[in-house]
Amino acid sequence: MRVVVAEDLFLLRDGLVRMLEAYDFEIAAAVESGPELTRALAELKPDVAVVDVRLPPSFTDEGLQCALAARRDRPGLPVLVLSQHVEQLYARELLADGSGGIGYLLKDRVFDADQFIDAVRRVAEGGTAMDPQVISQLLTRRSQDRPMGHLTPREREVMELMAQGRSNAAIAAQLVVTERAIAKHTSNIFGKLGLPQSDDDNRRVLAVLAYLDRGRAEASGG
């Protein structure tokens, strides 16, 4: 699996490269600026890009904008974004096209190599890997929305785990309930939110994220 890594800090970039190589990923390129990232994504066509939000020369959202431009040229390009903070605008832009292979992790909440490598693999395979704090903020923003207000506390808990990319089996294991109970909760959630049912884990996650993102856009007038 070929990876392009974009991180401006040498020690962190080198650490990411060493960790990925230790888990048998091939590093197609490790770059430190937006222009380098743009070239690497266009020329090397990696299986997944691991991208810091803030890169030279602007040190604003250069990394994400480069990744988004690459996804427009190559729809579905898997991108895992790393950030220091929860930036809802970044999450919104990442989710805007509704395709799979997306992730948003907070650097200081990645606690071990297995967690990070699992996220990279999940995104590369077309899945999602969203930090719970990102999901929590989107949920909070929609807390006054009438359909969201109709969700029970347990349904909100299930929805947050589902939006992180968890399967019914994984959610059931974490909440210590049966998978059948989780299936019932997810059915109720989709019904209350007016979302189409789907047996595909990634499609249902994207539906939930798109719903949460739409609420954020409506709240901001976007």
C-alpha atoms as a PDB file:
ATOM      1  CA  MET A   1       0.000   0.000   0.000  1.00  0.00           C
ATOM      2  CA  ARG A   2       1.616   3.247  -1.176  1.00  0.00           C
ATOM      3  CA  VAL A   3       1.390   6.351   1.017  1.00  0.00           C
ATOM      4  CA  VAL A   4       2.189  10.028   0.539  1.00  0.00           C
ATOM      5  CA  VAL A   5       2.952  11.759   3.836  1.00  0.00           C
ATOM      6  CA  ALA A   6       2.734  15.554   4.136  1.00  0.00           C
ATOM      7  CA  GLU A   7       4.023  17.117   7.371  1.00  0.00           C
ATOM      8  CA  ASP A   8       6.172  20.222   7.732  1.00  0.00           C
ATOM      9  CA  LEU A   9       7.847  19.262  11.041  1.00  0.00           C
ATOM     10  CA  PHE A  10      10.844  17.041  10.336  1.00  0.00           C
ATOM     11  CA  LEU A  11      10.685  14.945  13.517  1.00  0.00           C
ATOM     12  CA  LEU A  12       6.974  14.213  13.118  1.00  0.00           C
ATOM     13  CA  ARG A  13       7.324  13.528   9.393  1.00  0.00           C
ATOM     14  CA  ASP A  14      10.226  11.171   9.998  1.00  0.00           C
ATOM     15  CA  GLY A  15       8.309   9.450  12.800  1.00  0.00           C
ATOM     16  CA  LEU A  16       5.281   8.907  10.561  1.00  0.00           C
ATOM     17  CA  VAL A  17       7.476   7.485   7.804  1.00  0.00           C
ATOM     18  CA  ARG A  18       9.262   5.089  10.160  1.00  0.00           C
ATOM     19  CA  MET A  19       6.022   3.906  11.748  1.00  0.00           C
ATOM     20  CA  LEU A  20       4.295   3.310   8.411  1.00  0.00           C
ATOM     21  CA  GLU A  21       7.313   1.440   7.039  1.00  0.00           C
ATOM     22  CA  ALA A  22       7.380  -0.714  10.173  1.00  0.00           C
ATOM     23  CA  TYR A  23       3.853  -1.843   9.263  1.00  0.00           C
ATOM     24  CA  ASP A  24       4.827  -2.645   5.653  1.00  0.00           C
ATOM     25  CA  PHE A  25       3.492   0.487   3.985  1.00  0.00           C
ATOM     26  CA  GLU A  26       5.485   1.804   1.038  1.00  0.00           C
ATOM     27  CA  ILE A  27       6.292   5.512   1.345  1.00  0.00           C
ATOM     28  CA  ALA A  28       5.809   6.934  -2.130  1.00  0.00           C
ATOM     29  CA  ALA A  29       6.831  10.405  -0.906  1.00  0.00           C
ATOM     30  CA  ALA A  30       7.288  12.357   2.320  1.00  0.00           C
ATOM     31  CA  VAL A  31       6.899  16.089   1.695  1.00  0.00           C
ATOM     32  CA  GLU A  32       6.834  19.264   3.774  1.00  0.00           C
ATOM     33  CA  SER A  33       4.912  21.855   1.733  1.00  0.00           C
ATOM     34  CA  GLY A  34       1.702  22.337  -0.208  1.00  0.00           C
ATOM     35  CA  PRO A  35       3.290  22.549  -3.673  1.00  0.00           C
ATOM     36  CA  GLU A  36       5.280  19.364  -3.031  1.00  0.00           C
ATOM     37  CA  LEU A  37       2.118  17.603  -1.887  1.00  0.00           C
ATOM     38  CA  THR A  38       0.225  18.671  -5.007  1.00  0.00           C
ATOM     39  CA  ARG A  39       2.973  17.300  -7.258  1.00  0.00           C
ATOM     40  CA  ALA A  40       3.286  14.056  -5.303  1.00  0.00           C
ATOM     41  CA  LEU A  41      -0.432  13.314  -5.399  1.00  0.00           C
ATOM     42  CA  ALA A  42      -0.694  14.091  -9.106  1.00  0.00           C
ATOM     43  CA  GLU A  43       2.410  12.200 -10.209  1.00  0.00           C
ATOM     44  CA  LEU A  44       2.571   9.249  -7.818  1.00  0.00           C
ATOM     45  CA  LYS A  45      -1.141   8.424  -7.415  1.00  0.00           C
ATOM     46  CA  PRO A  46      -0.803   6.869  -3.942  1.00  0.00           C
ATOM     47  CA  ASP A  47      -3.292   4.506  -2.315  1.00  0.00           C
ATOM     48  CA  VAL A  48      -3.724   6.965   0.566  1.00  0.00           C
ATOM     49  CA  ALA A  49      -2.469  10.393   1.618  1.00  0.00           C
ATOM     50  CA  VAL A  50      -1.692  11.282   5.240  1.00  0.00           C
ATOM     51  CA  VAL A  51      -1.853  15.066   5.342  1.00  0.00           C
ATOM     52  CA  ASP A  52      -1.226  17.728   7.963  1.00  0.00           C
ATOM     53  CA  VAL A  53      -3.766  20.548   7.689  1.00  0.00           C
ATOM     54  CA  ARG A  54      -1.254  23.387   8.041  1.00  0.00           C
ATOM     55  CA  LEU A  55       1.620  23.325   5.544  1.00  0.00           C
ATOM     56  CA  PRO A  56       3.922  25.941   3.999  1.00  0.00           C
ATOM     57  CA  PRO A  57       3.700  28.367   2.404  1.00  0.00           C
ATOM     58  CA  SER A  58       0.489  29.678   4.006  1.00  0.00           C
ATOM     59  CA  PHE A  59       0.433  27.621   7.229  1.00  0.00           C
ATOM     60  CA  THR A  60      -3.383  27.914   7.237  1.00  0.00           C
ATOM     61  CA  ASP A  61      -5.239  25.081   5.517  1.00  0.00           C
ATOM     62  CA  GLU A  62      -2.717  24.512   2.735  1.00  0.00           C
ATOM     63  CA  GLY A  63      -2.476  20.747   3.249  1.00  0.00           C
ATOM     64  CA  LEU A  64      -6.201  20.168   3.213  1.00  0.00           C
ATOM     65  CA  GLN A  65      -6.792  22.393   0.197  1.00  0.00           C
ATOM     66  CA  CYS A  66      -4.149  20.461  -1.744  1.00  0.00           C
ATOM     67  CA  ALA A  67      -5.794  17.177  -0.776  1.00  0.00           C
ATOM     68  CA  LEU A  68      -9.248  18.433  -1.721  1.00  0.00           C
ATOM     69  CA  ALA A  69      -7.979  19.614  -5.102  1.00  0.00           C
ATOM     70  CA  ALA A  70      -6.420  16.193  -5.657  1.00  0.00           C
ATOM     71  CA  ARG A  71      -9.756  14.519  -4.781  1.00  0.00           C
ATOM     72  CA  ARG A  72     -11.488  16.667  -7.386  1.00  0.00           C
ATOM     73  CA  ASP A  73      -8.989  15.468  -9.996  1.00  0.00           C
ATOM     74  CA  ARG A  74      -9.108  11.894  -8.695  1.00  0.00           C
ATOM     75  CA  PRO A  75     -12.506  11.297  -7.078  1.00  0.00           C
ATOM     76  CA  GLY A  76     -12.386   9.042  -4.044  1.00  0.00           C
ATOM     77  CA  LEU A  77      -8.667   9.543  -3.348  1.00  0.00           C
ATOM     78  CA  PRO A  78      -8.323   8.316   0.260  1.00  0.00           C
ATOM     79  CA  VAL A  79      -7.175  11.132   2.550  1.00  0.00           C
ATOM     80  CA  LEU A  80      -6.436  10.991   6.270  1.00  0.00           C
ATOM     81  CA  VAL A  81      -6.105  14.494   7.708  1.00  0.00           C
ATOM     82  CA  LEU A  82      -4.087  15.223  10.841  1.00  0.00           C
ATOM     83  CA  SER A  83      -4.744  18.367  12.866  1.00  0.00           C
ATOM     84  CA  GLN A  84      -3.937  19.951  16.206  1.00  0.00           C
ATOM     85  CA  HIS A  85      -7.491  21.211  16.715  1.00  0.00           C
ATOM     86  CA  VAL A  86     -11.090  20.415  15.864  1.00  0.00           C
ATOM     87  CA  GLU A  87     -11.741  22.609  12.838  1.00  0.00           C
ATOM     88  CA  GLN A  88     -15.351  22.081  11.769  1.00  0.00           C
ATOM     89  CA  LEU A  89     -14.775  23.883   8.481  1.00  0.00           C
ATOM     90  CA  TYR A  90     -12.113  21.349   7.562  1.00  0.00           C
ATOM     91  CA  ALA A  91     -14.394  18.446   8.433  1.00  0.00           C
ATOM     92  CA  ARG A  92     -17.169  20.005   6.365  1.00  0.00           C
ATOM     93  CA  GLU A  93     -14.984  20.426   3.298  1.00  0.00           C
ATOM     94  CA  LEU A  94     -13.621  16.921   3.612  1.00  0.00           C
ATOM     95  CA  LEU A  95     -17.119  15.452   3.739  1.00  0.00           C
ATOM     96  CA  ALA A  96     -18.620  17.669   1.052  1.00  0.00           C
ATOM     97  CA  ASP A  97     -18.328  15.281  -1.900  1.00  0.00           C
ATOM     98  CA  GLY A  98     -19.879  12.376   0.003  1.00  0.00           C
ATOM     99  CA  SER A  99     -17.346   9.787  -1.178  1.00  0.00           C
ATOM    100  CA  GLY A 100     -15.500   7.283   0.989  1.00  0.00           C
ATOM    101  CA  GLY A 101     -11.899   7.080   2.065  1.00  0.00           C
ATOM    102  CA  ILE A 102     -11.842   9.998   4.506  1.00  0.00           C
ATOM    103  CA  GLY A 103     -10.408  10.504   7.965  1.00  0.00           C
ATOM    104  CA  TYR A 104      -9.825  13.322  10.437  1.00  0.00           C
ATOM    105  CA  LEU A 105      -7.632  12.649  13.481  1.00  0.00           C
ATOM    106  CA  LEU A 106      -6.364  14.968  16.190  1.00  0.00           C
ATOM    107  CA  LYS A 107      -2.611  14.585  16.654  1.00  0.00           C
ATOM    108  CA  ASP A 108      -2.661  14.695  20.447  1.00  0.00           C
ATOM    109  CA  ARG A 109      -5.413  12.056  20.622  1.00  0.00           C
ATOM    110  CA  VAL A 110      -3.584   9.353  18.673  1.00  0.00           C
ATOM    111  CA  PHE A 111      -2.332   7.272  21.584  1.00  0.00           C
ATOM    112  CA  ASP A 112      -0.629   4.289  19.952  1.00  0.00           C
ATOM    113  CA  ALA A 113       0.654   2.930  16.666  1.00  0.00           C
ATOM    114  CA  ASP A 114      -2.104   0.335  16.265  1.00  0.00           C
ATOM    115  CA  GLN A 115      -4.794   3.021  16.487  1.00  0.00           C
ATOM    116  CA  PHE A 116      -3.117   5.144  13.832  1.00  0.00           C
ATOM    117  CA  ILE A 117      -2.282   2.273  11.492  1.00  0.00           C
ATOM    118  CA  ASP A 118      -5.850   0.981  11.742  1.00  0.00           C
ATOM    119  CA  ALA A 119      -7.109   4.435  10.719  1.00  0.00           C
ATOM    120  CA  VAL A 120      -4.736   4.607   7.736  1.00  0.00           C
ATOM    121  CA  ARG A 121      -5.789   1.159   6.531  1.00  0.00           C
ATOM    122  CA  ARG A 122      -9.480   1.857   7.019  1.00  0.00           C
ATOM    123  CA  VAL A 123      -9.284   5.081   5.010  1.00  0.00           C
ATOM    124  CA  ALA A 124      -7.158   3.463   2.292  1.00  0.00           C
ATOM    125  CA  GLU A 125      -9.822   0.780   1.906  1.00  0.00           C
ATOM    126  CA  GLY A 126     -12.529   3.410   1.364  1.00  0.00           C
ATOM    127  CA  GLY A 127     -13.767   3.672   4.949  1.00  0.00           C
ATOM    128  CA  THR A 128     -13.895   6.479   7.489  1.00  0.00           C
ATOM    129  CA  ALA A 129     -11.796   7.300  10.550  1.00  0.00           C
ATOM    130  CA  MET A 130     -13.213  10.323  12.348  1.00  0.00           C
ATOM    131  CA  ASP A 131     -12.015  11.476  15.755  1.00  0.00           C
ATOM    132  CA  PRO A 132     -14.838  11.330  18.322  1.00  0.00           C
ATOM    133  CA  GLN A 133     -14.323  15.014  19.172  1.00  0.00           C
ATOM    134  CA  VAL A 134     -15.046  15.992  15.572  1.00  0.00           C
ATOM    135  CA  ILE A 135     -18.235  13.946  15.607  1.00  0.00           C
ATOM    136  CA  SER A 136     -19.184  15.286  19.039  1.00  0.00           C
ATOM    137  CA  GLN A 137     -18.917  18.892  17.867  1.00  0.00           C
ATOM    138  CA  LEU A 138     -21.050  18.188  14.802  1.00  0.00           C
ATOM    139  CA  LEU A 139     -23.610  16.477  17.015  1.00  0.00           C
ATOM    140  CA  THR A 140     -23.604  19.373  19.470  1.00  0.00           C
ATOM    141  CA  ARG A 141     -24.117  21.877  16.663  1.00  0.00           C
ATOM    142  CA  ARG A 142     -27.262  19.977  15.652  1.00  0.00           C
ATOM    143  CA  SER A 143     -28.528  19.381  19.197  1.00  0.00           C
ATOM    144  CA  GLN A 144     -31.351  21.923  18.807  1.00  0.00           C
ATOM    145  CA  ASP A 145     -32.465  20.494  15.480  1.00  0.00           C
ATOM    146  CA  ARG A 146     -35.873  18.848  15.826  1.00  0.00           C
ATOM    147  CA  PRO A 147     -34.993  15.406  14.372  1.00  0.00           C
ATOM    148  CA  MET A 148     -31.829  15.276  16.473  1.00  0.00           C
ATOM    149  CA  GLY A 149     -33.889  16.204  19.514  1.00  0.00           C
ATOM    150  CA  HIS A 150     -36.030  13.117  18.942  1.00  0.00           C
ATOM    151  CA  LEU A 151     -33.068  10.762  19.367  1.00  0.00           C
ATOM    152  CA  THR A 152     -32.817   8.986  22.696  1.00  0.00           C
ATOM    153  CA  PRO A 153     -29.534   9.206  24.677  1.00  0.00           C
ATOM    154  CA  ARG A 154     -28.703   5.647  23.595  1.00  0.00           C
ATOM    155  CA  GLU A 155     -29.447   6.441  19.933  1.00  0.00           C
ATOM    156  CA  ARG A 156     -27.147   9.470  20.112  1.00  0.00           C
ATOM    157  CA  GLU A 157     -24.445   7.250  21.593  1.00  0.00           C
ATOM    158  CA  VAL A 158     -24.904   4.693  18.822  1.00  0.00           C
ATOM    159  CA  MET A 159     -24.922   7.451  16.204  1.00  0.00           C
ATOM    160  CA  GLU A 160     -21.628   8.882  17.451  1.00  0.00           C
ATOM    161  CA  LEU A 161     -19.962   5.472  17.310  1.00  0.00           C
ATOM    162  CA  MET A 162     -21.467   4.788  13.890  1.00  0.00           C
ATOM    163  CA  ALA A 163     -20.126   8.098  12.583  1.00  0.00           C
ATOM    164  CA  GLN A 164     -16.651   7.097  13.752  1.00  0.00           C
ATOM    165  CA  GLY A 165     -16.813   4.222  11.267  1.00  0.00           C
ATOM    166  CA  ARG A 166     -17.772   1.405  13.655  1.00  0.00           C
ATOM    167  CA  SER A 167     -19.761  -1.596  12.425  1.00  0.00           C
ATOM    168  CA  ASN A 168     -22.841  -2.849  14.265  1.00  0.00           C
ATOM    169  CA  ALA A 169     -20.763  -5.670  15.742  1.00  0.00           C
ATOM    170  CA  ALA A 170     -18.109  -3.269  17.030  1.00  0.00           C
ATOM    171  CA  ILE A 171     -20.719  -0.927  18.509  1.00  0.00           C
ATOM    172  CA  ALA A 172     -22.488  -3.836  20.189  1.00  0.00           C
ATOM    173  CA  ALA A 173     -19.217  -5.015  21.720  1.00  0.00           C
ATOM    174  CA  GLN A 174     -18.365  -1.573  23.072  1.00  0.00           C
ATOM    175  CA  LEU A 175     -21.830  -0.953  24.529  1.00  0.00           C
ATOM    176  CA  VAL A 176     -22.109  -4.552  25.769  1.00  0.00           C
ATOM    177  CA  VAL A 177     -25.427  -5.235  24.047  1.00  0.00           C
ATOM    178  CA  THR A 178     -26.527  -7.550  21.267  1.00  0.00           C
ATOM    179  CA  GLU A 179     -25.912  -6.793  17.625  1.00  0.00           C
ATOM    180  CA  ARG A 180     -29.658  -7.135  17.076  1.00  0.00           C
ATOM    181  CA  ALA A 181     -30.247  -4.302  19.567  1.00  0.00           C
ATOM    182  CA  ILE A 182     -27.798  -2.072  17.681  1.00  0.00           C
ATOM    183  CA  ALA A 183     -29.515  -2.891  14.376  1.00  0.00           C
ATOM    184  CA  LYS A 184     -32.792  -1.715  15.907  1.00  0.00           C
ATOM    185  CA  HIS A 185     -31.186   1.500  17.185  1.00  0.00           C
ATOM    186  CA  THR A 186     -29.625   2.277  13.799  1.00  0.00           C
ATOM    187  CA  SER A 187     -32.932   1.642  12.060  1.00  0.00           C
ATOM    188  CA  ASN A 188     -34.619   4.085  14.440  1.00  0.00           C
ATOM    189  CA  ILE A 189     -31.868   6.670  13.883  1.00  0.00           C
ATOM    190  CA  PHE A 190     -32.184   6.534  10.105  1.00  0.00           C
ATOM    191  CA  GLY A 191     -35.943   6.735  10.341  1.00  0.00           C
ATOM    192  CA  LYS A 192     -35.914   9.778  12.619  1.00  0.00           C
ATOM    193  CA  LEU A 193     -33.309  11.583  10.515  1.00  0.00           C
ATOM    194  CA  GLY A 194     -35.008  10.753   7.221  1.00  0.00           C
ATOM    195  CA  LEU A 195     -31.923   8.984   5.847  1.00  0.00           C
ATOM    196  CA  PRO A 196     -32.021   5.980   3.486  1.00  0.00           C
ATOM    197  CA  GLN A 197     -31.266   2.575   4.981  1.00  0.00           C
ATOM    198  CA  SER A 198     -28.084   0.827   3.856  1.00  0.00           C
ATOM    199  CA  ASP A 199     -26.392  -2.474   4.652  1.00  0.00           C
ATOM    200  CA  ASP A 200     -23.025  -1.011   3.705  1.00  0.00           C
ATOM    201  CA  ASP A 201     -21.207   0.272   6.805  1.00  0.00           C
ATOM    202  CA  ASN A 202     -19.344   3.006   4.974  1.00  0.00           C
ATOM    203  CA  ARG A 203     -22.417   4.295   3.144  1.00  0.00           C
ATOM    204  CA  ARG A 204     -24.392   4.624   6.348  1.00  0.00           C
ATOM    205  CA  VAL A 205     -21.485   6.414   8.041  1.00  0.00           C
ATOM    206  CA  LEU A 206     -21.273   8.856   5.149  1.00  0.00           C
ATOM    207  CA  ALA A 207     -25.039   9.402   5.301  1.00  0.00           C
ATOM    208  CA  VAL A 208     -24.825  10.303   8.981  1.00  0.00           C
ATOM    209  CA  LEU A 209     -21.812  12.555   8.465  1.00  0.00           C
ATOM    210  CA  ALA A 210     -23.477  14.277   5.518  1.00  0.00           C
ATOM    211  CA  TYR A 211     -26.558  14.898   7.655  1.00  0.00           C
ATOM    212  CA  LEU A 212     -24.491  16.363  10.491  1.00  0.00           C
ATOM    213  CA  ASP A 213     -22.481  18.465   8.050  1.00  0.00           C
ATOM    214  CA  ARG A 214     -25.631  19.772   6.371  1.00  0.00           C
ATOM    215  CA  GLY A 215     -26.837  20.966   9.730  1.00  0.00           C
ATOM    216  CA  ARG A 216     -23.583  22.828  10.285  1.00  0.00           C
ATOM    217  CA  ALA A 217     -23.882  24.471   6.878  1.00  0.00           C
ATOM    218  CA  GLU A 218     -27.496  25.479   7.521  1.00  0.00           C
ATOM    219  CA  ALA A 219     -26.585  26.935  10.905  1.00  0.00           C
ATOM    220  CA  SER A 220     -23.861  29.081   9.320  1.00  0.00           C
ATOM    221  CA  GLY A 221     -26.010  30.066   6.349  1.00  0.00           C
ATOM    222  CA  GLY A 222     -23.735  28.150   3.932  1.00  0.00           C
END
